[in-house]
Amino acid sequence: MTTNVPSSNGSDQSSLLGAVVGGSLSKGVEIKLSQHASVEDVRVGSFVTIVGEKQRFLGLVSDVALASADRDLAASAPDADDPFVAQVLAGTAAYGLVTVMPQLLLPAVAGEGAADLLPAKSIPAHFAPAFRSSGADIAQVFGREDERHFSIGTPLDLEEKVCLDLRRLVERSSAVFGKSGTGKSFLTRLLLVGVIQKTDASVLVFDMHSEYGWSGRATEGGRHEVKGLKQLFPARVAVFTLDEESARRRNISPDGVVRIGYDQVEPEDIALLRETLNLTDLAAQAAFRLPSYVGEDGVRWGDDWLERFLALTPGDLDHVVTALGEHQHTLGALYRRLQILKRFPFIGRFPDDRSLQAILEHLERGHHVVLEFGGFGRSLEAYILVANVLTRRIHDRYVRRVEQALGDPAKEPRPLVIVIEEAHKFLNPQVASQTIFGAIARELRKYNVTLLVIDQRPSAIDQEVMSQIGTKVVCLLDNDKDVDAALAGVSGSRALREVLSRLESKQQALLFGHALPMPIAVRVRDYGTEQSYRELLQPRAAGRGGKGEELFG
């Protein structure tokens, strides 16, 4: 094996792993470890730089194996009490074999600009030396923190920062996936801190468990609180709530209390609740005919359909059944299931309420809004209904403003990122084509609105919607269908599956997609200590319109 490493590599002999001995572009390049490299030090998901004859390759370790040149070695292994014999055989008759998936072509000379990074479409020749990637290689690929790049963590085996291009992140919808307890909320907070600091986008968070506004919990079931977006950016984040009593118990003074008028709920919102309310397709479709019903007083229900329908007595229901030609059991089931809405004090007749308008005005001014659900976060019906009602109004407004601004980009609304939890409830195959969230995901950035979806069941999200998600942050998943869904359409998904399966259950994630030049497994940076807050908001990291020192003065 050659040891004449080109000086352009920028690596020293101590980082030498071995040499290429085989493999392919589709299955990965095989590297035989040198005698001085321990197989125990090579981790799946770590970076390797291979120096070819004409170019350098950056790749991810997808597998680590033990191999031998002698097929009979397994049957005649040296005595464990004789380390000298084992040492003689190691590296010759017995050796370590590492599989690396080439991802990018690096500049021939280490340290040159990364503007022309290209995907690897070839592989290095036999006996090309392979090195543990240096921090300079990582920085060359993922950039350094600046006005648009935000550090999300470090590679699993290096201390160099891995940065996301946040302006590319908000150009398309994105996702955070992972099973319960893997830290999805912490990752989402970090991403939102970066978006607020370094982009022109506004953020609207539908905060199901009241974790993003003023404070959240450090661990599941833990009592240690961590700062939310309002504490980090008090002048730029507004907190609204559906549950004023819950906010009062937590000593929080919200910027507004949200109320939903009966006339703001449309049949489409009820259709989205079909699965949650256990409605049949016929019952859900019956809601679309109620606005056209003319009551016994001769008045068409129109926008007041929900209030009038819920106010009916069981006896009055017969008149509606007859007039609409619906089946008694179908309309009766819809009537009984919708009675749950009467338990929500934030739904009613509020003719002078401007809470939804206030949220829109905050977003248009470039502020960021967290809508806390308080005690109603335990009700999936409340979460789905409110999120859909508000998002539909936002989407209609953005579509109108974008169309009015045709030919004058300066008049277009600011980009908006909408954050939703339990995303599969809005985006499953049965309803994705009907919901406003499905429309936003499919339209990409046509109307300046994108999604950041958070979920532990990516397999339950419509495949067409999944194909439109630009950047994915995937924590540990333990269901094969969820893993397949998260990695669908990604080049080298078989190798990435191995990387994903080796992640730890906390503070590690696999990132890939539009905002990164290549997939990478990272150890997520800390969040929740005073030191971490200072590092997140130090002045040099401030973005376009933000002040890094805002938390401290």
Protein backbone atom coordinates (compact mmCIF):
# COMPACT_ATOMS: atom_id res chain seq x y z
CA MET A 1 0.00 0.00 0.00
CA THR A 2 1.35 3.39 -0.97
CA THR A 3 2.20 5.90 1.73
CA ASN A 4 3.25 8.74 -0.59
CA VAL A 5 0.31 10.95 0.24
CA PRO A 6 -0.06 14.02 -2.03
CA SER A 7 0.62 17.23 -0.20
CA SER A 8 -2.65 18.65 -1.55
CA ASN A 9 -4.54 16.35 0.76
CA GLY A 10 -3.92 18.43 3.83
CA SER A 11 -3.89 15.28 6.02
CA ASP A 12 -1.00 13.82 7.99
CA GLN A 13 -0.02 10.19 8.32
CA SER A 14 -1.71 9.92 11.73
CA SER A 15 -5.10 10.23 10.04
CA LEU A 16 -4.35 7.55 7.44
CA LEU A 17 -6.97 4.77 7.53
CA GLY A 18 -5.87 2.52 4.70
CA ALA A 19 -6.26 2.04 0.96
CA VAL A 20 -9.04 1.32 -1.51
CA VAL A 21 -9.18 -2.38 -2.44
CA GLY A 22 -12.55 -2.69 -4.17
CA GLY A 23 -16.21 -1.69 -4.26
CA SER A 24 -18.56 0.21 -6.53
CA LEU A 25 -20.35 3.54 -6.74
CA SER A 26 -23.73 2.01 -5.88
CA LYS A 27 -22.60 -0.22 -3.00
CA GLY A 28 -19.68 1.81 -1.70
CA VAL A 29 -15.91 1.76 -1.84
CA GLU A 30 -14.08 -0.86 0.27
CA ILE A 31 -11.06 0.30 2.24
CA LYS A 32 -8.62 -2.12 3.81
CA LEU A 33 -7.47 -0.67 7.14
CA SER A 34 -3.75 -0.24 7.68
CA GLN A 35 -1.94 -1.94 10.55
CA HIS A 36 -1.88 1.34 12.46
CA ALA A 37 -5.64 1.98 12.21
CA SER A 38 -7.89 0.24 14.71
CA VAL A 39 -11.20 -1.05 13.45
CA GLU A 40 -12.66 -0.11 16.84
CA ASP A 41 -12.03 3.57 16.14
CA VAL A 42 -14.03 3.67 12.90
CA ARG A 43 -17.70 4.54 13.36
CA VAL A 44 -20.61 4.26 10.98
CA GLY A 45 -21.57 7.76 9.89
CA SER A 46 -18.06 9.21 10.19
CA PHE A 47 -16.33 11.02 7.31
CA VAL A 48 -13.53 9.71 5.13
CA THR A 49 -11.50 11.60 2.51
CA ILE A 50 -10.03 9.49 -0.29
CA VAL A 51 -7.23 10.95 -2.40
CA GLY A 52 -7.56 9.71 -5.97
CA GLU A 53 -5.19 10.21 -8.89
CA LYS A 54 -7.06 13.30 -10.16
CA GLN A 55 -9.45 14.35 -7.42
CA ARG A 56 -10.42 13.92 -3.79
CA PHE A 57 -13.59 12.16 -2.64
CA LEU A 58 -15.54 12.84 0.56
CA GLY A 59 -17.68 9.98 1.80
CA LEU A 60 -19.58 8.51 4.73
CA VAL A 61 -18.72 5.23 6.45
CA SER A 62 -21.72 2.93 5.95
CA ASP A 63 -20.31 -0.35 7.26
CA VAL A 64 -17.39 -1.80 9.21
CA ALA A 65 -16.38 -5.46 8.85
CA LEU A 66 -13.65 -7.97 9.66
CA ALA A 67 -12.05 -9.85 6.78
CA SER A 68 -9.25 -12.33 6.25
CA ALA A 69 -7.04 -13.43 3.38
CA ASP A 70 -7.09 -17.05 4.59
CA ARG A 71 -10.45 -18.80 4.56
CA ASP A 72 -9.18 -21.28 7.14
CA LEU A 73 -8.22 -18.55 9.61
CA ALA A 74 -11.56 -18.70 11.41
CA ALA A 75 -11.10 -22.40 12.10
CA SER A 76 -7.49 -22.00 13.19
CA ALA A 77 -7.54 -18.70 15.03
CA PRO A 78 -4.48 -17.97 17.21
CA ASP A 79 -4.69 -18.62 20.92
CA ALA A 80 -6.03 -15.57 22.73
CA ASP A 81 -3.22 -16.03 25.30
CA ASP A 82 -0.61 -15.40 22.61
CA PRO A 83 -0.98 -11.71 21.60
CA PHE A 84 2.27 -11.82 19.58
CA VAL A 85 0.80 -14.21 16.98
CA ALA A 86 -2.39 -12.15 16.78
CA GLN A 87 -0.32 -9.03 16.23
CA VAL A 88 1.65 -10.66 13.41
CA LEU A 89 -1.52 -11.77 11.63
CA ALA A 90 -3.35 -8.46 12.12
CA GLY A 91 -3.27 -6.31 9.01
CA THR A 92 -2.06 -9.11 6.74
CA ALA A 93 -3.97 -12.38 7.05
CA ALA A 94 -6.66 -10.65 9.13
CA TYR A 95 -7.70 -7.03 8.68
CA GLY A 96 -10.50 -4.53 9.01
CA LEU A 97 -12.63 -3.56 6.03
CA VAL A 98 -14.56 -0.28 5.88
CA THR A 99 -17.25 0.55 3.32
CA VAL A 100 -17.46 4.23 2.35
CA MET A 101 -20.20 5.81 0.22
CA PRO A 102 -18.58 8.58 -1.89
CA GLN A 103 -20.76 11.70 -1.73
CA LEU A 104 -18.85 14.71 -3.04
CA LEU A 105 -15.80 15.63 -5.09
CA LEU A 106 -13.55 18.01 -3.18
CA PRO A 107 -11.16 20.51 -4.78
CA ALA A 108 -7.84 18.89 -5.67
CA VAL A 109 -6.04 21.13 -3.18
CA ALA A 110 -7.30 21.19 0.42
CA GLY A 111 -8.53 24.60 1.49
CA GLU A 112 -9.67 25.77 -1.94
CA GLY A 113 -13.17 27.27 -2.21
CA ALA A 114 -16.18 24.97 -2.12
CA ALA A 115 -18.25 26.84 -4.69
CA ASP A 116 -17.84 24.08 -7.29
CA LEU A 117 -18.53 21.03 -5.14
CA LEU A 118 -20.01 18.29 -7.30
CA PRO A 119 -21.68 14.98 -6.42
CA ALA A 120 -19.45 11.94 -6.75
CA LYS A 121 -20.24 10.11 -9.99
CA SER A 122 -17.09 8.02 -10.10
CA ILE A 123 -14.87 6.24 -7.61
CA PRO A 124 -11.14 6.35 -6.80
CA ALA A 125 -8.76 3.80 -8.25
CA HIS A 126 -7.31 0.79 -6.45
CA PHE A 127 -4.92 1.56 -3.60
CA ALA A 128 -5.93 5.24 -3.33
CA PRO A 129 -5.12 6.31 0.25
CA ALA A 130 -8.05 7.04 2.57
CA PHE A 131 -7.90 9.39 5.56
CA ARG A 132 -10.12 10.41 8.40
CA SER A 133 -11.60 13.68 7.17
CA SER A 134 -10.16 16.79 8.73
CA GLY A 135 -12.05 19.71 10.20
CA ALA A 136 -10.91 21.75 7.19
CA ASP A 137 -12.66 19.30 4.83
CA ILE A 138 -15.91 19.57 6.81
CA ALA A 139 -15.73 23.36 6.90
CA GLN A 140 -15.03 23.39 3.18
CA VAL A 141 -18.23 21.46 2.50
CA PHE A 142 -20.65 22.80 5.10
CA GLY A 143 -19.31 26.33 5.43
CA ARG A 144 -18.82 28.38 8.56
CA GLU A 145 -21.29 30.39 10.58
CA ASP A 146 -22.15 33.66 8.86
CA GLU A 147 -25.20 35.73 8.01
CA ARG A 148 -26.98 32.73 6.46
CA HIS A 149 -25.26 29.63 7.89
CA PHE A 150 -26.22 28.28 11.31
CA SER A 151 -24.36 25.62 13.30
CA ILE A 152 -26.66 22.70 14.11
CA GLY A 153 -24.00 20.47 15.70
CA THR A 154 -20.79 18.57 14.98
CA PRO A 155 -19.95 15.36 13.08
CA LEU A 156 -19.96 12.23 15.23
CA ASP A 157 -16.15 12.00 15.24
CA LEU A 158 -15.05 15.64 14.86
CA GLU A 159 -15.41 18.94 16.68
CA GLU A 160 -15.83 21.02 13.51
CA LYS A 161 -19.23 22.75 13.27
CA VAL A 162 -21.78 21.55 10.73
CA CYS A 163 -23.76 24.46 9.31
CA LEU A 164 -27.14 24.60 7.59
CA ASP A 165 -27.89 27.13 4.88
CA LEU A 166 -31.05 28.49 6.49
CA ARG A 167 -32.15 30.56 3.52
CA ARG A 168 -32.25 27.37 1.48
CA LEU A 169 -34.03 25.65 4.38
CA VAL A 170 -36.99 28.05 4.25
CA GLU A 171 -37.20 27.94 0.45
CA ARG A 172 -38.93 24.57 0.68
CA SER A 173 -40.88 22.66 3.29
CA SER A 174 -38.77 20.73 5.80
CA ALA A 175 -39.29 18.06 8.44
CA VAL A 176 -38.04 16.79 11.79
CA PHE A 177 -38.72 13.06 12.26
CA GLY A 178 -37.94 10.76 15.16
CA LYS A 179 -39.58 8.44 17.64
CA SER A 180 -40.87 9.79 20.92
CA GLY A 181 -38.14 10.97 23.28
CA THR A 182 -35.40 11.55 20.70
CA GLY A 183 -35.34 15.33 21.12
CA LYS A 184 -37.47 16.54 18.18
CA SER A 185 -38.62 19.59 20.16
CA PHE A 186 -35.04 20.59 20.99
CA LEU A 187 -33.98 20.23 17.37
CA THR A 188 -36.96 22.28 16.25
CA ARG A 189 -36.13 25.04 18.74
CA LEU A 190 -32.60 25.20 17.39
CA LEU A 191 -33.81 25.42 13.81
CA LEU A 192 -36.28 28.17 14.71
CA VAL A 193 -33.60 30.16 16.55
CA GLY A 194 -31.52 30.03 13.39
CA VAL A 195 -34.42 31.00 11.11
CA ILE A 196 -35.29 33.97 13.32
CA GLN A 197 -31.67 35.16 13.41
CA LYS A 198 -30.53 34.58 9.85
CA THR A 199 -33.48 34.79 7.44
CA ASP A 200 -36.23 37.20 6.41
CA ALA A 201 -38.89 34.55 7.08
CA SER A 202 -41.55 34.88 9.74
CA VAL A 203 -42.45 31.84 11.84
CA LEU A 204 -45.87 30.63 13.03
CA VAL A 205 -45.73 27.75 15.51
CA PHE A 206 -48.82 25.74 16.41
CA ASP A 207 -47.52 24.80 19.84
CA MET A 208 -49.49 21.73 20.83
CA HIS A 209 -47.78 21.18 24.20
CA SER A 210 -46.79 24.78 25.02
CA GLU A 211 -43.05 24.10 24.57
CA TYR A 212 -41.89 26.78 22.16
CA GLY A 213 -43.34 30.04 23.48
CA TRP A 214 -42.10 30.98 26.94
CA SER A 215 -40.47 27.75 28.14
CA GLY A 216 -40.36 23.99 27.74
CA ARG A 217 -39.19 20.94 29.64
CA ALA A 218 -35.61 19.71 29.39
CA THR A 219 -36.56 16.02 29.26
CA GLU A 220 -39.69 13.96 29.07
CA GLY A 221 -41.29 14.10 32.47
CA GLY A 222 -38.51 16.33 33.78
CA ARG A 223 -39.01 19.51 35.79
CA HIS A 224 -36.06 21.50 34.53
CA GLU A 225 -37.32 24.23 32.22
CA VAL A 226 -35.54 25.58 29.16
CA LYS A 227 -36.09 28.95 27.55
CA GLY A 228 -38.56 29.26 24.71
CA LEU A 229 -38.47 31.66 21.77
CA LYS A 230 -40.17 34.48 23.68
CA GLN A 231 -37.43 34.55 26.32
CA LEU A 232 -34.70 34.47 23.68
CA PHE A 233 -36.27 37.11 21.41
CA PRO A 234 -38.68 39.12 23.61
CA ALA A 235 -39.11 41.98 21.12
CA ARG A 236 -39.61 39.78 18.05
CA VAL A 237 -41.79 36.88 19.25
CA ALA A 238 -45.47 37.17 20.19
CA VAL A 239 -47.20 34.44 22.19
CA PHE A 240 -50.93 33.87 21.69
CA THR A 241 -52.94 31.29 23.60
CA LEU A 242 -56.19 29.38 23.38
CA ASP A 243 -56.17 28.74 27.12
CA GLU A 244 -55.85 31.95 29.12
CA GLU A 245 -56.23 30.11 32.41
CA SER A 246 -53.28 27.83 31.63
CA ALA A 247 -51.13 30.85 30.77
CA ARG A 248 -52.10 32.52 34.05
CA ARG A 249 -51.14 29.40 36.05
CA ARG A 250 -47.70 29.50 34.43
CA ASN A 251 -47.33 33.23 35.16
CA ILE A 252 -47.27 34.06 31.47
CA SER A 253 -48.79 37.21 30.01
CA PRO A 254 -49.75 36.31 26.43
CA ASP A 255 -49.84 38.91 23.68
CA GLY A 256 -53.36 37.80 22.78
CA VAL A 257 -56.09 35.22 23.40
CA VAL A 258 -57.37 33.47 20.28
CA ARG A 259 -61.07 32.99 19.63
CA ILE A 260 -62.59 31.10 16.69
CA GLY A 261 -66.03 32.22 15.54
CA TYR A 262 -68.58 29.67 14.36
CA ASP A 263 -68.68 31.55 11.05
CA GLN A 264 -64.95 30.94 10.56
CA VAL A 265 -65.30 27.15 10.52
CA GLU A 266 -65.89 25.64 7.09
CA PRO A 267 -66.92 22.12 6.04
CA GLU A 268 -63.33 21.48 4.92
CA ASP A 269 -62.24 21.84 8.55
CA ILE A 270 -64.74 19.19 9.60
CA ALA A 271 -63.60 16.85 6.83
CA LEU A 272 -60.09 17.02 8.28
CA LEU A 273 -61.49 15.77 11.60
CA ARG A 274 -63.01 12.70 9.99
CA GLU A 275 -60.52 10.23 11.44
CA THR A 276 -60.24 11.94 14.82
CA LEU A 277 -64.03 12.14 15.30
CA ASN A 278 -64.53 8.67 13.82
CA LEU A 279 -66.82 10.00 11.08
CA THR A 280 -67.78 7.99 8.03
CA ASP A 281 -67.05 9.45 4.60
CA LEU A 282 -70.78 10.05 4.13
CA ALA A 283 -71.05 11.94 7.42
CA ALA A 284 -68.05 14.12 6.59
CA GLN A 285 -69.48 14.89 3.14
CA ALA A 286 -72.84 15.79 4.65
CA ALA A 287 -71.21 18.82 6.30
CA PHE A 288 -70.63 20.34 2.85
CA ARG A 289 -74.41 20.44 2.23
CA LEU A 290 -75.37 22.11 5.48
CA PRO A 291 -74.50 25.72 4.42
CA SER A 292 -77.08 25.43 1.62
CA TYR A 293 -79.89 24.34 3.97
CA VAL A 294 -82.79 26.78 4.32
CA GLY A 295 -84.28 26.65 7.81
CA GLU A 296 -87.92 26.75 8.77
CA ASP A 297 -87.56 30.51 9.17
CA GLY A 298 -86.73 30.75 5.45
CA VAL A 299 -83.11 31.82 6.08
CA ARG A 300 -80.23 30.02 4.36
CA TRP A 301 -77.67 28.85 6.92
CA GLY A 302 -74.58 29.94 4.94
CA ASP A 303 -71.62 30.87 7.18
CA ASP A 304 -73.76 30.25 10.29
CA TRP A 305 -74.24 26.60 9.44
CA LEU A 306 -72.17 25.21 12.33
CA GLU A 307 -73.78 27.34 15.03
CA ARG A 308 -77.29 26.55 13.77
CA PHE A 309 -76.53 22.84 13.37
CA LEU A 310 -75.14 22.49 16.90
CA ALA A 311 -78.14 24.38 18.31
CA LEU A 312 -80.65 21.91 16.87
CA THR A 313 -82.60 19.57 19.09
CA PRO A 314 -82.79 15.91 18.07
CA GLY A 315 -86.36 16.55 16.96
CA ASP A 316 -85.35 19.48 14.74
CA LEU A 317 -82.77 17.26 13.09
CA ASP A 318 -85.54 15.40 11.25
CA HIS A 319 -86.39 18.51 9.22
CA VAL A 320 -82.78 18.82 8.05
CA VAL A 321 -82.64 15.12 7.14
CA THR A 322 -85.76 15.45 5.01
CA ALA A 323 -84.75 18.71 3.33
CA LEU A 324 -81.25 17.54 2.37
CA GLY A 325 -82.21 13.98 1.55
CA GLU A 326 -79.58 12.62 3.93
CA HIS A 327 -79.85 9.34 5.79
CA GLN A 328 -81.00 9.72 9.40
CA HIS A 329 -78.04 7.78 10.81
CA THR A 330 -75.52 9.69 8.69
CA LEU A 331 -76.63 13.16 9.77
CA GLY A 332 -77.27 11.96 13.31
CA ALA A 333 -73.69 10.69 13.62
CA LEU A 334 -72.35 14.03 12.38
CA TYR A 335 -74.56 15.89 14.85
CA ARG A 336 -73.44 13.78 17.83
CA ARG A 337 -69.73 13.87 16.95
CA LEU A 338 -69.68 17.64 16.49
CA GLN A 339 -71.14 18.24 19.94
CA ILE A 340 -67.55 18.00 21.23
CA LEU A 341 -66.94 21.47 19.77
CA LYS A 342 -69.34 22.94 22.33
CA ARG A 343 -66.85 21.96 25.06
CA PHE A 344 -64.24 24.35 23.69
CA PRO A 345 -64.72 27.86 25.11
CA PHE A 346 -62.57 29.36 22.35
CA ILE A 347 -65.22 28.39 19.75
CA GLY A 348 -68.39 30.45 19.74
CA ARG A 349 -69.95 33.71 18.59
CA PHE A 350 -67.32 36.44 18.79
CA PRO A 351 -68.42 39.17 16.35
CA ASP A 352 -65.88 41.79 17.46
CA ASP A 353 -62.90 39.50 18.04
CA ARG A 354 -59.72 40.43 16.11
CA SER A 355 -57.36 37.76 17.46
CA LEU A 356 -56.79 36.03 14.10
CA GLN A 357 -56.32 39.40 12.43
CA ALA A 358 -53.77 40.33 15.12
CA ILE A 359 -51.75 37.19 14.37
CA LEU A 360 -51.71 38.03 10.66
CA GLU A 361 -50.56 41.58 11.38
CA HIS A 362 -47.68 40.34 13.57
CA LEU A 363 -46.50 38.02 10.81
CA GLU A 364 -46.71 40.71 8.14
CA ARG A 365 -44.60 43.05 10.30
CA GLY A 366 -41.87 40.43 10.38
CA HIS A 367 -42.60 39.19 13.89
CA HIS A 368 -42.86 35.55 14.89
CA VAL A 369 -45.92 34.00 16.52
CA VAL A 370 -46.27 31.02 18.84
CA LEU A 371 -49.87 29.86 19.37
CA GLU A 372 -50.02 27.87 22.61
CA PHE A 373 -52.86 25.43 23.15
CA GLY A 374 -52.45 25.11 26.91
CA GLY A 375 -54.76 22.46 28.33
CA PHE A 376 -56.43 22.02 24.95
CA GLY A 377 -53.21 20.57 23.55
CA ARG A 378 -54.40 17.22 24.85
CA SER A 379 -57.32 17.39 22.42
CA LEU A 380 -56.30 16.48 18.90
CA GLU A 381 -59.67 17.78 17.68
CA ALA A 382 -58.87 21.28 19.00
CA TYR A 383 -55.36 21.25 17.54
CA ILE A 384 -56.41 20.13 14.07
CA LEU A 385 -59.41 22.47 13.86
CA VAL A 386 -57.61 25.64 15.00
CA ALA A 387 -54.47 24.98 12.94
CA ASN A 388 -56.52 24.38 9.80
CA VAL A 389 -58.82 27.40 10.28
CA LEU A 390 -55.94 29.82 10.83
CA THR A 391 -53.67 28.38 8.14
CA ARG A 392 -56.44 28.50 5.55
CA ARG A 393 -56.96 32.21 6.22
CA ILE A 394 -53.21 32.82 6.03
CA HIS A 395 -52.89 30.92 2.77
CA ASP A 396 -55.78 32.79 1.17
CA ARG A 397 -54.22 36.09 2.19
CA TYR A 398 -50.76 35.17 0.91
CA VAL A 399 -52.13 33.93 -2.41
CA ARG A 400 -54.02 37.19 -2.88
CA ARG A 401 -51.01 39.33 -2.00
CA VAL A 402 -48.62 37.39 -4.25
CA GLU A 403 -51.01 37.66 -7.18
CA GLN A 404 -51.42 41.40 -6.55
CA ALA A 405 -47.63 41.79 -6.51
CA LEU A 406 -47.05 40.16 -9.90
CA GLY A 407 -44.30 42.10 -11.63
CA ASP A 408 -43.20 43.84 -8.42
CA PRO A 409 -41.35 41.44 -6.06
CA ALA A 410 -40.95 44.23 -3.49
CA LYS A 411 -44.68 44.00 -2.75
CA GLU A 412 -44.67 40.27 -2.07
CA PRO A 413 -45.31 39.17 1.53
CA ARG A 414 -42.42 38.01 3.70
CA PRO A 415 -41.69 34.27 3.54
CA LEU A 416 -43.58 32.36 6.23
CA VAL A 417 -42.69 29.03 7.87
CA ILE A 418 -45.62 27.23 9.56
CA VAL A 419 -44.64 24.67 12.21
CA ILE A 420 -47.06 21.81 12.90
CA GLU A 421 -46.79 18.80 15.19
CA GLU A 422 -48.60 15.47 14.62
CA ALA A 423 -48.19 16.30 10.94
CA HIS A 424 -49.56 12.96 9.71
CA LYS A 425 -53.00 13.98 10.96
CA PHE A 426 -52.99 16.84 8.42
CA LEU A 427 -51.05 15.11 5.66
CA ASN A 428 -52.14 11.47 5.57
CA PRO A 429 -53.13 10.06 2.16
CA GLN A 430 -56.86 10.26 2.92
CA VAL A 431 -56.93 14.03 3.52
CA ALA A 432 -53.66 15.49 2.16
CA SER A 433 -55.24 16.39 -1.17
CA GLN A 434 -58.08 18.25 0.61
CA THR A 435 -56.25 20.15 3.36
CA ILE A 436 -54.58 23.51 3.14
CA PHE A 437 -51.41 21.93 4.55
CA GLY A 438 -51.28 19.50 1.63
CA ALA A 439 -51.69 22.41 -0.78
CA ILE A 440 -48.85 24.34 0.87
CA ALA A 441 -46.52 21.31 0.76
CA ARG A 442 -47.24 20.71 -2.94
CA GLU A 443 -46.92 24.35 -3.98
CA LEU A 444 -43.39 24.60 -2.59
CA ARG A 445 -42.59 28.31 -2.27
CA LYS A 446 -44.94 29.61 -4.97
CA TYR A 447 -46.83 31.74 -2.46
CA ASN A 448 -44.00 32.31 0.05
CA VAL A 449 -45.41 29.83 2.59
CA THR A 450 -43.64 26.60 3.60
CA LEU A 451 -44.05 24.00 6.35
CA LEU A 452 -41.81 22.64 9.07
CA VAL A 453 -43.48 19.36 10.03
CA ILE A 454 -42.69 17.44 13.20
CA ASP A 455 -43.74 13.82 13.46
CA GLN A 456 -42.83 10.38 14.74
CA ARG A 457 -44.71 8.55 11.97
CA PRO A 458 -43.39 9.66 8.56
CA SER A 459 -44.87 6.52 6.99
CA ALA A 460 -48.36 7.90 7.68
CA ILE A 461 -47.70 11.03 5.60
CA ASP A 462 -48.80 11.07 1.96
CA GLN A 463 -45.97 10.03 -0.38
CA GLU A 464 -46.51 12.96 -2.73
CA VAL A 465 -46.16 15.37 0.20
CA MET A 466 -43.02 13.57 1.42
CA SER A 467 -41.47 13.95 -2.03
CA GLN A 468 -41.87 17.74 -1.77
CA ILE A 469 -40.07 18.07 1.58
CA GLY A 470 -36.74 19.73 0.82
CA THR A 471 -34.70 19.17 4.00
CA LYS A 472 -35.12 16.35 6.51
CA VAL A 473 -33.71 16.06 10.02
CA VAL A 474 -34.17 12.45 11.13
CA CYS A 475 -33.58 11.21 14.66
CA LEU A 476 -33.70 7.54 15.64
CA LEU A 477 -36.71 5.64 14.26
CA ASP A 478 -37.55 2.09 15.29
CA ASN A 479 -40.20 1.23 12.69
CA ASP A 480 -39.03 -0.07 9.31
CA LYS A 481 -41.88 1.61 7.43
CA ASP A 482 -41.03 4.96 9.02
CA VAL A 483 -37.36 4.55 8.09
CA ASP A 484 -38.27 3.70 4.49
CA ALA A 485 -40.58 6.71 4.27
CA ALA A 486 -38.01 9.12 5.71
CA LEU A 487 -35.29 7.96 3.30
CA ALA A 488 -37.47 7.51 0.21
CA GLY A 489 -36.02 9.09 -2.92
CA VAL A 490 -32.59 9.76 -1.37
CA SER A 491 -29.51 8.59 -3.24
CA GLY A 492 -27.66 5.90 -1.28
CA SER A 493 -30.64 5.25 1.00
CA ARG A 494 -29.40 1.74 1.84
CA ALA A 495 -26.19 3.10 3.32
CA LEU A 496 -28.01 5.94 5.09
CA ARG A 497 -30.33 3.39 6.64
CA GLU A 498 -27.32 1.80 8.35
CA VAL A 499 -26.16 5.21 9.56
CA LEU A 500 -29.63 6.03 10.90
CA SER A 501 -29.94 2.71 12.73
CA ARG A 502 -26.68 3.39 14.61
CA LEU A 503 -27.72 6.78 15.99
CA GLU A 504 -28.04 7.18 19.73
CA SER A 505 -31.52 7.86 21.08
CA LYS A 506 -30.63 11.37 22.27
CA GLN A 507 -28.91 14.37 20.68
CA GLN A 508 -27.99 12.70 17.39
CA ALA A 509 -29.63 13.07 13.99
CA LEU A 510 -29.14 12.38 10.29
CA LEU A 511 -29.54 15.50 8.12
CA PHE A 512 -29.94 15.63 4.34
CA GLY A 513 -31.66 17.53 1.60
CA HIS A 514 -31.93 20.99 0.09
CA ALA A 515 -30.12 22.94 2.84
CA LEU A 516 -27.03 20.68 2.86
CA PRO A 517 -24.56 19.66 0.18
CA MET A 518 -24.59 16.02 1.34
CA PRO A 519 -26.11 13.81 4.07
CA ILE A 520 -24.44 13.98 7.47
CA ALA A 521 -24.93 12.44 10.91
CA VAL A 522 -24.39 14.99 13.68
CA ARG A 523 -24.24 15.31 17.40
CA VAL A 524 -26.73 18.12 17.97
CA ARG A 525 -25.42 21.18 19.79
CA ASP A 526 -26.51 21.79 23.37
CA TYR A 527 -29.64 23.74 24.21
CA GLY A 528 -30.94 24.49 27.68
CA THR A 529 -28.03 25.98 29.62
CA GLU A 530 -27.05 29.63 30.05
CA GLN A 531 -23.84 28.90 28.18
CA SER A 532 -25.76 27.44 25.24
CA TYR A 533 -28.06 30.49 25.12
CA ARG A 534 -25.05 32.81 25.03
CA GLU A 535 -23.45 30.80 22.23
CA LEU A 536 -26.70 30.82 20.25
CA LEU A 537 -27.23 34.56 20.59
CA GLN A 538 -23.75 36.00 20.66
CA PRO A 539 -23.55 39.17 18.51
CA ARG A 540 -21.32 37.69 15.82
CA ALA A 541 -24.03 35.12 15.06
CA ALA A 542 -26.80 37.69 14.65
CA GLY A 543 -28.61 37.58 11.32
CA ARG A 544 -30.56 39.94 9.16
CA GLY A 545 -32.55 42.14 11.49
CA GLY A 546 -31.75 40.27 14.73
CA LYS A 547 -29.62 41.30 17.69
CA GLY A 548 -27.49 38.59 19.15
CA GLU A 549 -27.33 40.29 22.52
CA GLU A 550 -31.12 40.69 22.84
CA LEU A 551 -31.43 38.06 25.59
CA PHE A 552 -28.95 39.81 27.82
CA GLY A 553 -29.90 43.43 27.42
